[in-house]
Amino acid sequence: MKKIILASLAIVAFTSIAQAQKAGKASPKKAVASAAVSDKEINWISLDQLQEKMKKEPRKVYIDVYTGWCGWCKVMDKKTFTNPGVINYINKKFYAVKFDAEQTDSVHFMGSHYGTEGRTNQFAIQLLRGQMSYPTTVIMEENFQNPQIIPGYQDVKTIEPILKYLGENLHKTTPWEEYQKTAKVTWE
């Protein structure tokens, strides 16, 4: 009985990892398809697509750093990233990238090459400044500068004020603590 349970768990884990890796590698076809349904899902793009889009139309960048085995990452996918308010706001204000921190493919970003160190991609290590925690949200300015690293699961009530604070550039004029006092949550 134990062997059957272990085998079942291994199959589920392998399937989850394979699906997560497939989701983390946004292909041009998937990006075009998701652009057509922008009101129903977030338009996730790859790092290569991000760099090309930034040359034509700079925007803020939203990066979801996850792993295939991360339970809270999956909860965020199902509960936070399916909320119509979150979807519409991210698609309007940001280029969104899902990045599997354990992907084995090399990454080329801003003239640098990142391989894998142990199980973790070096791009994730640099992006998260070595503080590996999943899920982690990273939001950057239009010039890829000033990354805001937000570790942990973010439900809709938590992520809405964060997105609006950074998306509307309120962080440039208003301290977070002051903004929190007046922020209204409307997306649930």
N, C-alpha and C. Protein backbone atom coordinates (compact mmCIF):
# COMPACT_ATOMS: atom_id res chain seq x y z
N MET A 1 0.83 -1.20 0.00
CA MET A 1 0.00 0.00 0.00
C MET A 1 0.88 1.26 0.00
N LYS A 2 1.96 1.24 0.80
CA LYS A 2 2.86 2.39 0.85
C LYS A 2 3.48 2.65 -0.51
N LYS A 3 3.84 1.59 -1.24
CA LYS A 3 4.44 1.74 -2.56
C LYS A 3 3.46 2.39 -3.53
N ILE A 4 2.20 2.02 -3.45
CA ILE A 4 1.18 2.60 -4.33
C ILE A 4 1.01 4.08 -4.02
N ILE A 5 0.96 4.44 -2.76
CA ILE A 5 0.82 5.84 -2.36
C ILE A 5 2.03 6.65 -2.82
N LEU A 6 3.23 6.13 -2.58
CA LEU A 6 4.45 6.82 -3.00
C LEU A 6 4.50 6.97 -4.52
N ALA A 7 4.12 5.94 -5.25
CA ALA A 7 4.11 6.01 -6.71
C ALA A 7 3.11 7.06 -7.18
N SER A 8 1.93 7.10 -6.55
CA SER A 8 0.91 8.09 -6.90
C SER A 8 1.41 9.50 -6.64
N LEU A 9 2.05 9.71 -5.49
CA LEU A 9 2.59 11.03 -5.17
C LEU A 9 3.68 11.44 -6.16
N ALA A 10 4.51 10.50 -6.55
CA ALA A 10 5.57 10.80 -7.52
C ALA A 10 4.98 11.21 -8.87
N ILE A 11 3.93 10.52 -9.31
CA ILE A 11 3.28 10.86 -10.57
C ILE A 11 2.66 12.25 -10.49
N VAL A 12 1.98 12.55 -9.40
CA VAL A 12 1.37 13.87 -9.23
C VAL A 12 2.44 14.96 -9.21
N ALA A 13 3.52 14.71 -8.48
CA ALA A 13 4.60 15.71 -8.41
C ALA A 13 5.23 15.93 -9.77
N PHE A 14 5.51 14.83 -10.51
CA PHE A 14 6.11 14.96 -11.83
C PHE A 14 5.19 15.72 -12.78
N THR A 15 3.90 15.41 -12.76
CA THR A 15 2.94 16.09 -13.62
C THR A 15 2.87 17.57 -13.28
N SER A 16 2.84 17.91 -12.00
CA SER A 16 2.79 19.31 -11.57
C SER A 16 4.02 20.07 -12.03
N ILE A 17 5.19 19.46 -11.89
CA ILE A 17 6.43 20.12 -12.29
C ILE A 17 6.44 20.32 -13.80
N ALA A 18 6.03 19.32 -14.55
CA ALA A 18 6.02 19.43 -16.01
C ALA A 18 5.06 20.54 -16.45
N GLN A 19 3.88 20.60 -15.83
CA GLN A 19 2.92 21.65 -16.19
C GLN A 19 3.45 23.02 -15.81
N ALA A 20 4.09 23.15 -14.67
CA ALA A 20 4.63 24.44 -14.24
C ALA A 20 5.75 24.88 -15.18
N GLN A 21 6.61 23.94 -15.60
CA GLN A 21 7.68 24.31 -16.52
C GLN A 21 7.11 24.73 -17.85
N LYS A 22 6.08 24.04 -18.31
CA LYS A 22 5.44 24.40 -19.56
C LYS A 22 4.82 25.79 -19.45
N ALA A 23 4.18 26.10 -18.33
CA ALA A 23 3.56 27.42 -18.12
C ALA A 23 4.60 28.52 -18.03
N GLY A 24 5.79 28.21 -17.51
CA GLY A 24 6.82 29.23 -17.34
C GLY A 24 7.50 29.62 -18.63
N LYS A 25 7.36 28.83 -19.67
CA LYS A 25 7.99 29.11 -20.96
C LYS A 25 6.92 29.62 -21.92
N ALA A 26 6.59 30.88 -21.82
CA ALA A 26 5.57 31.46 -22.69
C ALA A 26 6.08 31.49 -24.11
N SER A 27 5.36 30.87 -25.00
CA SER A 27 5.75 30.88 -26.40
C SER A 27 5.06 32.05 -27.09
N PRO A 28 5.57 32.47 -28.25
CA PRO A 28 4.92 33.55 -28.96
C PRO A 28 3.45 33.24 -29.26
N LYS A 29 3.13 31.98 -29.62
CA LYS A 29 1.74 31.63 -29.89
C LYS A 29 0.88 31.82 -28.66
N LYS A 30 1.39 31.39 -27.49
CA LYS A 30 0.63 31.53 -26.26
C LYS A 30 0.43 33.01 -25.92
N ALA A 31 1.47 33.82 -26.13
CA ALA A 31 1.36 35.24 -25.84
C ALA A 31 0.31 35.89 -26.74
N VAL A 32 0.27 35.50 -28.01
CA VAL A 32 -0.72 36.07 -28.93
C VAL A 32 -2.11 35.60 -28.52
N ALA A 33 -2.23 34.33 -28.18
CA ALA A 33 -3.53 33.80 -27.78
C ALA A 33 -4.02 34.48 -26.51
N SER A 34 -3.12 34.69 -25.52
CA SER A 34 -3.57 35.30 -24.28
C SER A 34 -3.89 36.78 -24.49
N ALA A 35 -3.27 37.43 -25.48
CA ALA A 35 -3.60 38.83 -25.75
C ALA A 35 -5.04 38.94 -26.23
N ALA A 36 -5.51 37.90 -26.93
CA ALA A 36 -6.88 37.93 -27.44
C ALA A 36 -7.90 37.77 -26.31
N VAL A 37 -7.51 37.20 -25.19
CA VAL A 37 -8.44 37.00 -24.08
C VAL A 37 -7.96 37.77 -22.85
N SER A 38 -7.46 38.97 -23.07
CA SER A 38 -6.82 39.74 -22.00
C SER A 38 -7.75 40.03 -20.83
N ASP A 39 -9.05 40.00 -21.06
CA ASP A 39 -9.97 40.25 -19.96
C ASP A 39 -10.24 38.99 -19.13
N LYS A 40 -9.74 37.84 -19.58
CA LYS A 40 -10.01 36.59 -18.89
C LYS A 40 -8.79 35.99 -18.21
N GLU A 41 -7.59 36.39 -18.63
CA GLU A 41 -6.39 35.88 -18.00
C GLU A 41 -5.26 36.89 -18.16
N ILE A 42 -4.27 36.74 -17.32
CA ILE A 42 -3.11 37.63 -17.39
C ILE A 42 -2.30 37.27 -18.63
N ASN A 43 -1.81 38.27 -19.32
CA ASN A 43 -0.99 38.08 -20.51
C ASN A 43 0.45 37.81 -20.10
N TRP A 44 0.74 36.59 -19.69
CA TRP A 44 2.09 36.22 -19.29
C TRP A 44 2.98 36.15 -20.51
N ILE A 45 4.18 36.70 -20.43
CA ILE A 45 5.13 36.66 -21.52
C ILE A 45 6.48 36.15 -20.99
N SER A 46 7.36 35.78 -21.90
CA SER A 46 8.69 35.31 -21.51
C SER A 46 9.62 36.50 -21.29
N LEU A 47 10.79 36.25 -20.72
CA LEU A 47 11.78 37.31 -20.54
C LEU A 47 12.26 37.86 -21.87
N ASP A 48 12.40 36.99 -22.87
CA ASP A 48 12.80 37.46 -24.21
C ASP A 48 11.74 38.40 -24.78
N GLN A 49 10.47 38.02 -24.68
CA GLN A 49 9.39 38.87 -25.17
C GLN A 49 9.35 40.19 -24.39
N LEU A 50 9.60 40.12 -23.10
CA LEU A 50 9.61 41.33 -22.27
C LEU A 50 10.64 42.33 -22.78
N GLN A 51 11.83 41.86 -23.04
CA GLN A 51 12.89 42.76 -23.50
C GLN A 51 12.54 43.39 -24.84
N GLU A 52 11.91 42.64 -25.72
CA GLU A 52 11.50 43.19 -27.02
C GLU A 52 10.39 44.22 -26.85
N LYS A 53 9.40 43.91 -26.04
CA LYS A 53 8.28 44.83 -25.82
C LYS A 53 8.74 46.13 -25.16
N MET A 54 9.70 46.04 -24.26
CA MET A 54 10.19 47.23 -23.56
C MET A 54 10.87 48.21 -24.52
N LYS A 55 11.44 47.70 -25.61
CA LYS A 55 12.07 48.57 -26.60
C LYS A 55 11.02 49.42 -27.31
N LYS A 56 9.84 48.85 -27.51
CA LYS A 56 8.77 49.54 -28.26
C LYS A 56 7.87 50.38 -27.36
N GLU A 57 7.48 49.82 -26.23
CA GLU A 57 6.56 50.51 -25.32
C GLU A 57 6.94 50.18 -23.87
N PRO A 58 7.79 51.00 -23.25
CA PRO A 58 8.18 50.73 -21.86
C PRO A 58 6.97 50.74 -20.91
N ARG A 59 6.96 49.79 -19.99
CA ARG A 59 5.94 49.68 -18.93
C ARG A 59 6.62 49.16 -17.68
N LYS A 60 5.90 49.21 -16.61
CA LYS A 60 6.38 48.56 -15.39
C LYS A 60 6.34 47.05 -15.63
N VAL A 61 7.11 46.31 -14.83
CA VAL A 61 7.22 44.87 -15.01
C VAL A 61 6.77 44.17 -13.73
N TYR A 62 5.93 43.16 -13.89
CA TYR A 62 5.46 42.32 -12.80
C TYR A 62 6.01 40.92 -13.04
N ILE A 63 6.84 40.43 -12.12
CA ILE A 63 7.40 39.08 -12.27
C ILE A 63 6.92 38.22 -11.10
N ASP A 64 6.30 37.10 -11.44
CA ASP A 64 5.88 36.10 -10.46
C ASP A 64 6.95 35.02 -10.45
N VAL A 65 7.73 34.95 -9.38
CA VAL A 65 8.78 33.94 -9.25
C VAL A 65 8.17 32.77 -8.46
N TYR A 66 8.19 31.60 -9.08
CA TYR A 66 7.53 30.43 -8.50
C TYR A 66 8.38 29.18 -8.71
N THR A 67 7.92 28.07 -8.17
CA THR A 67 8.49 26.76 -8.48
C THR A 67 7.34 25.79 -8.70
N GLY A 68 7.63 24.69 -9.35
CA GLY A 68 6.59 23.70 -9.63
C GLY A 68 6.06 23.00 -8.39
N TRP A 69 6.86 22.92 -7.34
CA TRP A 69 6.46 22.21 -6.13
C TRP A 69 5.80 23.12 -5.10
N CYS A 70 5.76 24.41 -5.34
CA CYS A 70 5.27 25.39 -4.36
C CYS A 70 3.74 25.40 -4.29
N GLY A 71 3.21 24.96 -3.17
CA GLY A 71 1.76 24.93 -2.98
C GLY A 71 1.12 26.31 -2.99
N TRP A 72 1.75 27.28 -2.31
CA TRP A 72 1.18 28.63 -2.27
C TRP A 72 1.24 29.31 -3.63
N CYS A 73 2.20 28.93 -4.45
CA CYS A 73 2.26 29.47 -5.83
C CYS A 73 1.03 29.02 -6.60
N LYS A 74 0.64 27.76 -6.42
CA LYS A 74 -0.53 27.23 -7.10
C LYS A 74 -1.81 27.88 -6.59
N VAL A 75 -1.86 28.14 -5.30
CA VAL A 75 -3.04 28.82 -4.74
C VAL A 75 -3.13 30.23 -5.31
N MET A 76 -2.00 30.92 -5.42
CA MET A 76 -1.99 32.27 -5.99
C MET A 76 -2.45 32.24 -7.45
N ASP A 77 -2.01 31.22 -8.21
CA ASP A 77 -2.45 31.07 -9.59
C ASP A 77 -3.97 30.92 -9.66
N LYS A 78 -4.52 30.11 -8.77
CA LYS A 78 -5.95 29.80 -8.83
C LYS A 78 -6.84 30.89 -8.23
N LYS A 79 -6.37 31.55 -7.19
CA LYS A 79 -7.24 32.50 -6.49
C LYS A 79 -6.94 33.96 -6.81
N THR A 80 -5.67 34.33 -6.89
CA THR A 80 -5.31 35.73 -7.10
C THR A 80 -5.28 36.07 -8.58
N PHE A 81 -4.59 35.25 -9.37
CA PHE A 81 -4.40 35.57 -10.79
C PHE A 81 -5.61 35.27 -11.65
N THR A 82 -6.71 34.83 -11.05
CA THR A 82 -7.96 34.64 -11.80
C THR A 82 -8.98 35.72 -11.47
N ASN A 83 -8.65 36.61 -10.57
CA ASN A 83 -9.57 37.69 -10.19
C ASN A 83 -9.63 38.72 -11.32
N PRO A 84 -10.82 39.09 -11.79
CA PRO A 84 -10.94 40.03 -12.91
C PRO A 84 -10.25 41.38 -12.66
N GLY A 85 -10.31 41.90 -11.44
CA GLY A 85 -9.64 43.16 -11.13
C GLY A 85 -8.14 43.05 -11.25
N VAL A 86 -7.58 41.96 -10.72
CA VAL A 86 -6.14 41.72 -10.81
C VAL A 86 -5.74 41.56 -12.27
N ILE A 87 -6.47 40.75 -13.01
CA ILE A 87 -6.17 40.51 -14.42
C ILE A 87 -6.17 41.82 -15.21
N ASN A 88 -7.24 42.58 -15.09
CA ASN A 88 -7.35 43.81 -15.87
C ASN A 88 -6.27 44.82 -15.51
N TYR A 89 -5.98 44.95 -14.22
CA TYR A 89 -4.99 45.95 -13.80
C TYR A 89 -3.58 45.55 -14.25
N ILE A 90 -3.22 44.30 -14.04
CA ILE A 90 -1.88 43.86 -14.47
C ILE A 90 -1.75 43.99 -15.99
N ASN A 91 -2.75 43.57 -16.74
CA ASN A 91 -2.66 43.66 -18.20
C ASN A 91 -2.59 45.11 -18.69
N LYS A 92 -3.20 46.02 -17.96
CA LYS A 92 -3.21 47.43 -18.36
C LYS A 92 -1.92 48.14 -18.00
N LYS A 93 -1.37 47.87 -16.84
CA LYS A 93 -0.25 48.65 -16.31
C LYS A 93 1.12 47.99 -16.41
N PHE A 94 1.18 46.67 -16.57
CA PHE A 94 2.43 45.94 -16.45
C PHE A 94 2.64 44.99 -17.63
N TYR A 95 3.90 44.63 -17.84
CA TYR A 95 4.22 43.42 -18.59
C TYR A 95 4.40 42.36 -17.52
N ALA A 96 3.73 41.24 -17.68
CA ALA A 96 3.74 40.19 -16.66
C ALA A 96 4.56 38.99 -17.12
N VAL A 97 5.44 38.52 -16.24
CA VAL A 97 6.30 37.38 -16.53
C VAL A 97 6.16 36.38 -15.39
N LYS A 98 5.95 35.11 -15.73
CA LYS A 98 6.02 34.02 -14.75
C LYS A 98 7.40 33.41 -14.92
N PHE A 99 8.15 33.33 -13.83
CA PHE A 99 9.51 32.79 -13.92
C PHE A 99 9.67 31.64 -12.93
N ASP A 100 9.91 30.45 -13.48
CA ASP A 100 10.17 29.26 -12.67
C ASP A 100 11.61 29.35 -12.16
N ALA A 101 11.77 29.55 -10.87
CA ALA A 101 13.10 29.73 -10.28
C ALA A 101 13.98 28.50 -10.43
N GLU A 102 13.39 27.35 -10.74
CA GLU A 102 14.17 26.13 -10.89
C GLU A 102 14.26 25.67 -12.33
N GLN A 103 13.95 26.56 -13.27
CA GLN A 103 14.07 26.15 -14.67
C GLN A 103 15.54 25.94 -15.01
N THR A 104 15.78 24.95 -15.83
CA THR A 104 17.16 24.60 -16.17
C THR A 104 17.65 25.32 -17.43
N ASP A 105 16.75 25.89 -18.20
CA ASP A 105 17.15 26.63 -19.39
C ASP A 105 17.93 27.87 -18.99
N SER A 106 18.96 28.19 -19.77
CA SER A 106 19.71 29.41 -19.54
C SER A 106 18.83 30.62 -19.87
N VAL A 107 19.13 31.72 -19.20
CA VAL A 107 18.37 32.95 -19.39
C VAL A 107 19.33 34.04 -19.80
N HIS A 108 18.91 34.82 -20.79
CA HIS A 108 19.68 36.00 -21.21
C HIS A 108 18.81 37.21 -20.89
N PHE A 109 19.32 38.08 -20.03
CA PHE A 109 18.54 39.25 -19.64
C PHE A 109 19.46 40.44 -19.47
N MET A 110 19.15 41.51 -20.16
CA MET A 110 19.89 42.77 -20.08
C MET A 110 21.39 42.55 -20.29
N GLY A 111 21.73 41.75 -21.29
CA GLY A 111 23.13 41.53 -21.64
C GLY A 111 23.87 40.53 -20.77
N SER A 112 23.20 39.93 -19.81
CA SER A 112 23.85 38.94 -18.94
C SER A 112 23.27 37.55 -19.20
N HIS A 113 24.08 36.55 -18.92
CA HIS A 113 23.70 35.15 -19.10
C HIS A 113 23.57 34.51 -17.72
N TYR A 114 22.47 33.78 -17.52
CA TYR A 114 22.23 33.12 -16.23
C TYR A 114 21.97 31.64 -16.47
N GLY A 115 22.76 30.81 -15.81
CA GLY A 115 22.57 29.37 -15.86
C GLY A 115 21.94 28.89 -14.56
N THR A 116 22.17 27.64 -14.26
CA THR A 116 21.60 27.06 -13.05
C THR A 116 22.70 26.83 -12.02
N GLU A 117 22.40 27.15 -10.78
CA GLU A 117 23.31 26.90 -9.66
C GLU A 117 22.58 25.97 -8.71
N GLY A 118 22.99 24.70 -8.69
CA GLY A 118 22.22 23.72 -7.92
C GLY A 118 20.88 23.53 -8.61
N ARG A 119 19.82 23.66 -7.87
CA ARG A 119 18.47 23.53 -8.45
C ARG A 119 17.92 24.87 -8.91
N THR A 120 18.57 25.97 -8.57
CA THR A 120 17.99 27.29 -8.78
C THR A 120 18.66 28.03 -9.93
N ASN A 121 17.85 28.68 -10.76
CA ASN A 121 18.38 29.48 -11.84
C ASN A 121 19.03 30.73 -11.26
N GLN A 122 20.19 31.08 -11.77
CA GLN A 122 20.94 32.23 -11.25
C GLN A 122 20.18 33.55 -11.42
N PHE A 123 19.32 33.63 -12.43
CA PHE A 123 18.52 34.84 -12.61
C PHE A 123 17.61 35.04 -11.40
N ALA A 124 16.99 33.96 -10.94
CA ALA A 124 16.11 34.05 -9.76
C ALA A 124 16.92 34.46 -8.53
N ILE A 125 18.11 33.90 -8.39
CA ILE A 125 18.96 34.24 -7.24
C ILE A 125 19.29 35.73 -7.25
N GLN A 126 19.67 36.24 -8.41
CA GLN A 126 19.99 37.67 -8.49
C GLN A 126 18.74 38.52 -8.30
N LEU A 127 17.64 38.15 -8.95
CA LEU A 127 16.40 38.93 -8.87
C LEU A 127 15.90 39.03 -7.43
N LEU A 128 16.00 37.94 -6.68
CA LEU A 128 15.51 37.91 -5.30
C LEU A 128 16.61 38.23 -4.29
N ARG A 129 17.76 38.64 -4.80
CA ARG A 129 18.91 39.00 -3.95
C ARG A 129 19.29 37.88 -2.98
N GLY A 130 19.16 36.65 -3.47
CA GLY A 130 19.54 35.50 -2.67
C GLY A 130 18.54 35.09 -1.60
N GLN A 131 17.46 35.83 -1.44
CA GLN A 131 16.44 35.50 -0.45
C GLN A 131 15.36 34.65 -1.11
N MET A 132 15.64 33.37 -1.24
CA MET A 132 14.79 32.47 -2.00
C MET A 132 13.55 32.09 -1.21
N SER A 133 12.41 32.53 -1.71
CA SER A 133 11.12 32.29 -1.09
C SER A 133 10.09 32.27 -2.21
N TYR A 134 9.16 31.33 -2.14
CA TYR A 134 8.17 31.19 -3.21
C TYR A 134 6.76 31.13 -2.64
N PRO A 135 5.84 31.80 -3.29
CA PRO A 135 6.03 32.71 -4.41
C PRO A 135 6.64 34.03 -3.95
N THR A 136 7.29 34.73 -4.87
CA THR A 136 7.75 36.08 -4.63
C THR A 136 7.38 36.92 -5.84
N THR A 137 6.84 38.09 -5.56
CA THR A 137 6.49 39.05 -6.60
C THR A 137 7.61 40.08 -6.68
N VAL A 138 8.01 40.40 -7.90
CA VAL A 138 9.00 41.46 -8.12
C VAL A 138 8.37 42.45 -9.09
N ILE A 139 8.32 43.71 -8.69
CA ILE A 139 7.79 44.76 -9.56
C ILE A 139 8.91 45.75 -9.82
N MET A 140 9.14 46.02 -11.12
CA MET A 140 10.23 46.92 -11.52
C MET A 140 9.68 48.11 -12.31
N GLU A 141 10.46 49.18 -12.29
CA GLU A 141 10.15 50.37 -13.08
C GLU A 141 10.31 50.07 -14.57
N GLU A 142 9.92 51.02 -15.40
CA GLU A 142 9.97 50.86 -16.85
C GLU A 142 11.38 50.64 -17.37
N ASN A 143 12.39 51.03 -16.62
CA ASN A 143 13.78 50.87 -17.05
C ASN A 143 14.45 49.67 -16.36
N PHE A 144 13.65 48.75 -15.84
CA PHE A 144 14.10 47.56 -15.11
C PHE A 144 14.82 47.92 -13.81
N GLN A 145 14.65 49.12 -13.32
CA GLN A 145 15.31 49.57 -12.10
C GLN A 145 14.35 49.52 -10.92
N ASN A 146 14.90 49.74 -9.73
CA ASN A 146 14.14 49.85 -8.49
C ASN A 146 13.21 48.67 -8.24
N PRO A 147 13.74 47.44 -8.25
CA PRO A 147 12.87 46.29 -8.04
C PRO A 147 12.29 46.28 -6.61
N GLN A 148 11.00 46.07 -6.54
CA GLN A 148 10.31 45.92 -5.26
C GLN A 148 10.05 44.43 -5.09
N ILE A 149 10.66 43.82 -4.09
CA ILE A 149 10.56 42.39 -3.87
C ILE A 149 9.54 42.15 -2.77
N ILE A 150 8.49 41.40 -3.12
CA ILE A 150 7.38 41.16 -2.19
C ILE A 150 7.24 39.65 -2.02
N PRO A 151 7.84 39.09 -0.95
CA PRO A 151 7.79 37.63 -0.78
C PRO A 151 6.45 37.16 -0.23
N GLY A 152 6.12 35.93 -0.58
CA GLY A 152 4.95 35.28 0.00
C GLY A 152 3.70 35.35 -0.84
N TYR A 153 2.74 34.57 -0.41
CA TYR A 153 1.42 34.51 -1.06
C TYR A 153 0.72 35.85 -0.90
N GLN A 154 0.14 36.33 -1.99
CA GLN A 154 -0.62 37.59 -1.97
C GLN A 154 -2.04 37.29 -2.42
N ASP A 155 -3.00 37.43 -1.51
CA ASP A 155 -4.38 37.26 -1.94
C ASP A 155 -4.84 38.56 -2.60
N VAL A 156 -6.06 38.58 -3.09
CA VAL A 156 -6.57 39.74 -3.83
C VAL A 156 -6.58 40.99 -2.95
N LYS A 157 -7.02 40.85 -1.70
CA LYS A 157 -7.09 42.02 -0.80
C LYS A 157 -5.71 42.60 -0.51
N THR A 158 -4.71 41.76 -0.53
CA THR A 158 -3.34 42.21 -0.25
C THR A 158 -2.68 42.80 -1.49
N ILE A 159 -2.90 42.16 -2.64
CA ILE A 159 -2.19 42.57 -3.84
C ILE A 159 -2.78 43.83 -4.47
N GLU A 160 -4.07 44.07 -4.31
CA GLU A 160 -4.69 45.25 -4.93
C GLU A 160 -4.02 46.55 -4.51
N PRO A 161 -3.88 46.83 -3.22
CA PRO A 161 -3.22 48.10 -2.86
C PRO A 161 -1.76 48.16 -3.30
N ILE A 162 -1.07 47.03 -3.31
CA ILE A 162 0.33 47.01 -3.74
C ILE A 162 0.41 47.38 -5.22
N LEU A 163 -0.41 46.74 -6.04
CA LEU A 163 -0.41 47.02 -7.48
C LEU A 163 -0.74 48.48 -7.76
N LYS A 164 -1.74 49.00 -7.08
CA LYS A 164 -2.14 50.39 -7.33
C LYS A 164 -1.08 51.37 -6.82
N TYR A 165 -0.49 51.08 -5.69
CA TYR A 165 0.54 51.94 -5.12
C TYR A 165 1.73 52.08 -6.07
N LEU A 166 2.17 50.95 -6.61
CA LEU A 166 3.31 50.98 -7.52
C LEU A 166 2.89 51.32 -8.95
N GLY A 167 1.74 50.82 -9.38
CA GLY A 167 1.27 51.06 -10.74
C GLY A 167 0.92 52.51 -11.02
N GLU A 168 0.45 53.23 -10.01
CA GLU A 168 0.09 54.64 -10.17
C GLU A 168 1.21 55.58 -9.73
N ASN A 169 2.38 55.01 -9.44
CA ASN A 169 3.55 55.79 -9.00
C ASN A 169 3.33 56.55 -7.70
N LEU A 170 2.41 56.08 -6.89
CA LEU A 170 2.16 56.73 -5.60
C LEU A 170 3.35 56.57 -4.66
N HIS A 171 4.16 55.54 -4.90
CA HIS A 171 5.36 55.31 -4.07
C HIS A 171 6.37 56.45 -4.20
N LYS A 172 6.23 57.25 -5.23
CA LYS A 172 7.16 58.36 -5.43
C LYS A 172 6.79 59.59 -4.61
N THR A 173 5.55 59.64 -4.13
CA THR A 173 5.10 60.83 -3.39
C THR A 173 4.52 60.53 -2.02
N THR A 174 4.12 59.29 -1.78
CA THR A 174 3.42 58.95 -0.54
C THR A 174 4.07 57.75 0.13
N PRO A 175 4.42 57.85 1.40
CA PRO A 175 4.94 56.67 2.12
C PRO A 175 3.89 55.56 2.17
N TRP A 176 4.34 54.31 2.11
CA TRP A 176 3.45 53.15 2.12
C TRP A 176 2.50 53.18 3.31
N GLU A 177 3.03 53.48 4.49
CA GLU A 177 2.20 53.48 5.71
C GLU A 177 1.05 54.48 5.59
N GLU A 178 1.31 55.62 5.00
CA GLU A 178 0.26 56.63 4.80
C GLU A 178 -0.76 56.17 3.76
N TYR A 179 -0.27 55.60 2.69
CA TYR A 179 -1.16 55.11 1.62
C TYR A 179 -2.09 54.02 2.15
N GLN A 180 -1.56 53.11 2.97
CA GLN A 180 -2.36 52.00 3.50
C GLN A 180 -3.58 52.49 4.27
N LYS A 181 -3.46 53.63 4.92
CA LYS A 181 -4.59 54.15 5.73
C LYS A 181 -5.78 54.52 4.87
N THR A 182 -5.53 54.92 3.63
CA THR A 182 -6.63 55.38 2.77
C THR A 182 -6.95 54.44 1.61
N ALA A 183 -6.13 53.41 1.41
CA ALA A 183 -6.33 52.49 0.29
C ALA A 183 -7.64 51.73 0.45
N LYS A 184 -8.38 51.64 -0.63
CA LYS A 184 -9.65 50.91 -0.62
C LYS A 184 -9.52 49.66 -1.49
N VAL A 185 -10.04 48.55 -0.97
CA VAL A 185 -10.00 47.29 -1.71
C VAL A 185 -11.36 47.12 -2.39
N THR A 186 -11.34 46.98 -3.72
CA THR A 186 -12.59 46.91 -4.47
C THR A 186 -12.69 45.71 -5.40
N TRP A 187 -11.63 44.91 -5.51
CA TRP A 187 -11.61 43.85 -6.51
C TRP A 187 -12.23 42.53 -6.05
N GLU A 188 -12.63 42.38 -4.81
CA GLU A 188 -13.19 41.09 -4.39
C GLU A 188 -14.63 41.09 -4.59
